[in-house]
Protein backbone atom coordinates (compact mmCIF):
# COMPACT_ATOMS: atom_id res chain seq x y z
CA UNK A 1 -30.85 0.76 15.04
CA UNK A 2 -32.85 2.81 12.56
CA UNK A 3 -34.17 1.17 9.38
CA UNK A 4 -32.43 2.21 6.17
CA UNK A 5 -33.97 4.36 3.49
CA UNK A 6 -35.70 2.36 0.81
CA UNK A 7 -33.16 1.57 -1.89
CA UNK A 8 -33.67 -1.03 -4.61
CA UNK A 9 -30.31 -2.65 -3.92
CA UNK A 10 -29.46 -6.31 -3.53
CA UNK A 11 -27.45 -7.83 -0.70
CA UNK A 12 -24.57 -8.28 -3.15
CA UNK A 13 -24.63 -4.56 -3.93
CA UNK A 14 -24.49 -3.67 -0.24
CA UNK A 15 -21.47 -5.96 -0.01
CA UNK A 16 -19.88 -4.13 -2.96
CA UNK A 17 -20.41 -0.82 -1.16
CA UNK A 18 -18.91 -2.21 2.05
CA UNK A 19 -15.85 -3.50 0.18
CA UNK A 20 -15.40 -0.22 -1.70
CA UNK A 21 -15.37 1.66 1.61
CA UNK A 22 -12.31 -0.34 2.69
CA UNK A 23 -10.20 1.82 0.35
CA UNK A 24 -11.68 5.17 1.37
CA UNK A 25 -8.93 7.58 2.39
CA UNK A 26 -6.07 5.30 1.31
CA UNK A 27 -4.75 7.70 -1.31
CA UNK A 28 -2.41 6.48 -4.02
CA UNK A 29 -2.02 2.82 -3.08
CA UNK A 30 -2.28 -0.37 -5.09
CA UNK A 31 -5.63 -2.07 -4.55
CA UNK A 32 -5.44 -5.86 -4.71
CA UNK A 33 -8.98 -7.24 -4.47
CA UNK A 34 -9.50 -11.00 -4.52
CA UNK A 35 -12.99 -12.10 -5.54
CA UNK A 36 -15.77 -10.70 -7.70
CA UNK A 37 -17.40 -8.49 -5.06
CA UNK A 38 -14.12 -6.89 -3.85
CA UNK A 39 -13.07 -6.33 -7.48
CA UNK A 40 -16.31 -4.51 -8.26
CA UNK A 41 -15.88 -2.57 -5.02
CA UNK A 42 -12.35 -1.45 -5.84
CA UNK A 43 -13.39 -0.24 -9.28
CA UNK A 44 -16.39 1.58 -7.79
CA UNK A 45 -14.10 3.30 -5.27
CA UNK A 46 -11.77 4.39 -8.07
CA UNK A 47 -14.66 5.83 -10.09
CA UNK A 48 -16.15 7.74 -7.17
CA UNK A 49 -14.43 8.72 -3.92
CA UNK A 50 -10.91 7.28 -4.44
CA UNK A 51 -9.63 8.55 -7.82
CA UNK A 52 -5.97 8.13 -6.75
CA UNK A 53 -6.38 4.39 -6.26
CA UNK A 54 -4.22 2.18 -8.48
CA UNK A 55 -5.75 -0.91 -10.03
CA UNK A 56 -3.84 -3.80 -11.57
CA UNK A 57 -4.61 -6.69 -13.88
CA UNK A 58 -2.88 -8.95 -11.36
CA UNK A 59 0.24 -9.26 -13.49
CA UNK A 60 2.32 -6.30 -14.63
CA UNK A 61 -0.10 -3.65 -15.85
CA UNK A 62 -1.78 -0.75 -14.07
CA UNK A 63 -5.31 -0.54 -15.43
CA UNK A 64 -8.23 1.86 -15.30
CA UNK A 65 -11.71 0.93 -14.08
CA UNK A 66 -12.56 -0.16 -17.62
CA UNK A 67 -9.59 -2.53 -17.75
CA UNK A 68 -7.62 -0.43 -20.24
CA UNK A 69 -3.88 -0.20 -19.59
CA UNK A 70 -2.69 2.95 -17.82
CA UNK A 71 0.86 1.99 -16.95
CA UNK A 72 3.41 -0.72 -16.35
CA UNK A 73 4.17 -2.26 -12.97
CA UNK A 74 7.44 -4.21 -13.14
CA UNK A 75 7.89 -6.97 -10.57
CA UNK A 76 10.58 -5.08 -8.66
CA UNK A 77 8.30 -2.08 -8.25
CA UNK A 78 5.45 -4.36 -7.22
CA UNK A 79 7.62 -5.84 -4.46
CA UNK A 80 8.49 -2.34 -3.28
CA UNK A 81 4.79 -1.58 -2.91
CA UNK A 82 4.17 -4.89 -1.17
CA UNK A 83 6.91 -4.46 1.43
CA UNK A 84 6.46 -0.75 2.03
CA UNK A 85 2.84 -0.43 3.10
CA UNK A 86 1.70 1.02 -0.25
CA UNK A 87 -0.74 -1.74 -1.10
CA UNK A 88 -4.12 -2.63 0.39
CA UNK A 89 -5.18 -6.21 -0.23
CA UNK A 90 -8.63 -7.67 0.27
CA UNK A 91 -8.20 -11.41 0.71
CA UNK A 92 -10.54 -14.27 1.48
CA UNK A 93 -10.47 -16.50 4.56
CA UNK A 94 -11.39 -20.12 5.15
CA UNK A 95 -11.17 -19.28 8.86
CA UNK A 96 -10.76 -16.01 10.73
CA UNK A 97 -10.64 -15.49 14.49
CA UNK A 98 -11.53 -12.67 16.86
CA UNK A 99 -8.12 -10.98 16.50
CA UNK A 100 -8.02 -11.21 12.69
CA UNK A 101 -5.75 -14.24 12.28
CA UNK A 102 -6.64 -15.86 8.96
CA UNK A 103 -6.33 -19.41 7.68
CA UNK A 104 -6.40 -20.49 4.04
CA UNK A 105 -4.08 -23.49 4.38
CA UNK A 106 -5.74 -26.46 6.08
CA UNK A 107 -8.55 -27.54 8.37
CA UNK A 108 -7.55 -29.63 11.37
CA UNK A 109 -4.13 -30.39 12.75
CA UNK A 110 -1.31 -29.22 10.47
CA UNK A 111 0.56 -32.52 10.78
CA UNK A 112 -2.45 -34.47 9.52
CA UNK A 113 -5.13 -32.08 8.30
CA UNK A 114 -8.68 -33.18 7.69
CA UNK A 115 -8.77 -30.92 4.66
CA UNK A 116 -6.04 -29.35 2.54
CA UNK A 117 -6.80 -25.86 1.20
CA UNK A 118 -4.83 -23.28 -0.82
CA UNK A 119 -1.72 -23.19 1.34
CA UNK A 120 -0.21 -20.24 3.15
CA UNK A 121 0.71 -18.45 -0.09
CA UNK A 122 1.41 -14.72 0.37
CA UNK A 123 -0.78 -14.17 3.43
CA UNK A 124 2.02 -13.58 6.00
CA UNK A 125 3.86 -11.12 3.75
CA UNK A 126 0.63 -9.33 2.91
CA UNK A 127 -0.48 -8.88 6.51
CA UNK A 128 2.90 -7.79 7.87
CA UNK A 129 3.81 -5.43 5.05
CA UNK A 130 0.61 -3.68 4.00
CA UNK A 131 -3.00 -3.20 5.08
CA UNK A 132 -5.20 -6.26 4.54
CA UNK A 133 -8.98 -6.45 4.66
CA UNK A 134 -11.06 -9.60 4.23
CA UNK A 135 -14.08 -10.60 2.17
CA UNK A 136 -16.11 -13.61 3.33
CA UNK A 137 -19.18 -14.41 1.20
CA UNK A 138 -20.56 -17.13 3.52
CA UNK A 139 -20.62 -16.00 7.14
CA UNK A 140 -20.80 -19.01 9.46
CA UNK A 141 -19.29 -20.40 12.69
CA UNK A 142 -17.09 -22.63 10.51
CA UNK A 143 -15.39 -19.52 9.14
CA UNK A 144 -15.58 -17.13 12.11
CA UNK A 145 -13.84 -19.36 14.66
CA UNK A 146 -12.46 -18.89 18.16
CA UNK A 147 -9.00 -20.03 17.04
CA UNK A 148 -7.80 -20.69 13.50
CA UNK A 149 -6.31 -24.12 12.82
CA UNK A 150 -3.27 -22.53 11.20
CA UNK A 151 -2.18 -18.90 11.05
CA UNK A 152 -1.60 -17.66 7.51
CA UNK A 153 -2.62 -14.02 7.70
CA UNK A 154 -1.34 -12.47 10.93
CA UNK A 155 -3.85 -10.97 13.36
CA UNK A 156 -3.47 -8.15 15.86
CA UNK A 157 -2.53 -10.33 18.83
CA UNK A 158 0.28 -12.14 17.04
CA UNK A 159 1.61 -8.99 15.38
CA UNK A 160 1.71 -7.25 18.75
CA UNK A 161 3.54 -10.20 20.32
CA UNK A 162 6.16 -10.08 17.55
CA UNK A 163 6.92 -6.41 18.20
CA UNK A 164 7.59 -3.28 16.08
CA UNK A 165 8.95 -5.04 12.98
CA UNK A 166 5.60 -6.83 12.66
CA UNK A 167 3.36 -3.91 13.57
CA UNK A 168 4.97 -1.20 11.42
CA UNK A 169 2.63 -1.71 8.45
CA UNK A 170 0.21 -4.21 9.95
CA UNK A 171 -3.42 -3.06 9.78
CA UNK A 172 -6.74 -4.82 9.20
CA UNK A 173 -9.16 -2.03 8.24
CA UNK A 174 -12.24 -4.19 7.91
CA UNK A 175 -13.81 -7.59 7.40
CA UNK A 176 -16.82 -7.71 5.10
CA UNK A 177 -19.18 -10.68 5.02
CA UNK A 178 -22.56 -11.31 3.45
CA UNK A 179 -24.09 -10.36 6.82
CA UNK A 180 -22.21 -7.23 7.82
CA UNK A 181 -19.03 -5.25 8.32
CA UNK A 182 -16.52 -5.76 11.12
CA UNK A 183 -13.48 -3.90 12.40
CA UNK A 184 -11.05 -4.08 15.31
CA UNK A 185 -11.77 -0.72 16.96
CA UNK A 186 -11.67 -2.13 20.48
CA UNK A 187 -9.14 -1.74 23.33
CA UNK A 188 -7.80 -5.29 22.86
CA UNK A 189 -8.07 -5.17 19.05
CA UNK A 190 -10.69 -7.92 18.95
CA UNK A 191 -13.41 -7.99 16.32
CA UNK A 192 -16.30 -5.53 16.55
CA UNK A 193 -19.56 -5.46 14.64
CA UNK A 194 -19.47 -2.16 12.74
CA UNK A 195 -22.66 -2.51 10.67
CA UNK A 196 -25.20 -5.05 9.47
CA UNK A 197 -26.55 -5.22 5.96
CA UNK A 198 -30.25 -4.39 5.57
CA UNK A 199 -32.40 -7.43 6.30
CA UNK A 200 -29.85 -8.84 8.78
CA UNK A 201 -30.24 -8.69 12.56
CA UNK A 202 -27.53 -8.43 15.18
CA UNK A 203 -28.79 -11.70 16.64
CA UNK A 204 -28.29 -13.47 13.33
CA UNK A 205 -24.72 -12.22 13.12
CA UNK A 206 -23.96 -13.37 16.64
CA UNK A 207 -25.44 -16.83 15.99
CA UNK A 208 -23.29 -17.17 12.85
CA UNK A 209 -20.08 -16.23 14.67
CA UNK A 210 -18.06 -18.75 16.68
CA UNK A 211 -16.69 -16.27 19.22
CA UNK A 212 -18.03 -13.30 21.24
CA UNK A 213 -18.21 -10.14 19.17
CA UNK A 214 -18.02 -6.65 20.57
CA UNK A 215 -21.43 -5.21 19.73
CA UNK A 216 -22.10 -1.47 20.20
CA UNK A 217 -25.37 -0.38 21.77
CA UNK A 218 -26.61 0.96 18.45
CA UNK A 219 -25.41 -0.95 15.38
CA UNK A 220 -26.01 0.95 12.13
CA UNK A 221 -26.93 -0.50 8.79
CA UNK A 222 -24.31 -0.60 6.04
CA UNK A 223 -24.70 2.61 4.10
CA UNK A 224 -27.03 2.69 1.13
CA UNK A 225 -25.58 2.92 -2.36
CA UNK A 226 -26.46 6.10 -4.16
CA UNK A 227 -28.40 6.01 -7.40
CA UNK A 228 -25.20 6.94 -9.24
CA UNK A 229 -23.28 4.11 -7.56
CA UNK A 230 -25.99 1.59 -8.44
CA UNK A 231 -25.89 2.74 -12.05
CA UNK A 232 -22.10 2.33 -12.15
CA UNK A 233 -22.28 -1.15 -10.59
CA UNK A 234 -25.06 -2.41 -12.84
CA UNK A 235 -24.33 -0.69 -16.13
CA UNK A 236 -20.59 0.06 -16.21
CA UNK A 237 -18.57 -2.10 -13.83
CA UNK A 238 -20.49 -5.35 -13.58
CA UNK A 239 -23.31 -5.57 -16.15
CA UNK A 240 -22.86 -9.36 -16.24
CA UNK A 241 -23.78 -9.59 -12.56
CA UNK A 242 -20.72 -11.51 -11.35
CA UNK A 243 -21.35 -10.06 -7.87
CA UNK A 244 -24.51 -12.12 -7.57
CA UNK A 245 -22.59 -15.39 -7.91
CA UNK A 246 -20.84 -14.76 -4.59
CA UNK A 247 -23.77 -13.52 -2.52
CA UNK A 248 -27.22 -15.06 -2.16
CA UNK A 249 -30.21 -12.79 -1.74
């Protein structure tokens, strides 16, 4: 693993870059980022390498990177995008396992949980009907678990078991955490370490993960932001620094 070039970027800004890269090559799809870092990443992608990307205010308006209205997205059209693979969501996860099953509903047994969370919400529909990536700002064995307590977002193993209707649009391009980037580019579609953020070691990632990761012989660092990208993040997209509230360091 070669050290990165010296770039005056924070860990949060590397996370922004990693999230932005989730939408590379998607074309004209609706980006639905959840969280400050993914939101900054989606806007950065739109302003740089993904100009076809559609952004929304979360309600009924298509917006530009500056938040100004560009079009109207009626609910019926939104549902068409949701159920036809034309949206790429980046959700959070209270738990995620080695095959990408996600839990945001409860911790412990479903019949009598130790902790009640958000609920299943739209996670099953999202994961079965359009690509879904994940953003996890606090990488730990409590989040990266061997088996989720409840399946909300559907992972590769469960989608495969359900057959073609479940796998038609199912895809998990990447998982981004404050330690690195992960994908499922393995024969059994289990989680693989794709890159670590500068300042993070492979050993640290493994210690913070509650299941065996596939680790390539040479793990690269997450790519550096360019000077132009840093200027956009700091001066145009997120001058208030909301990204730094989600990532320490």
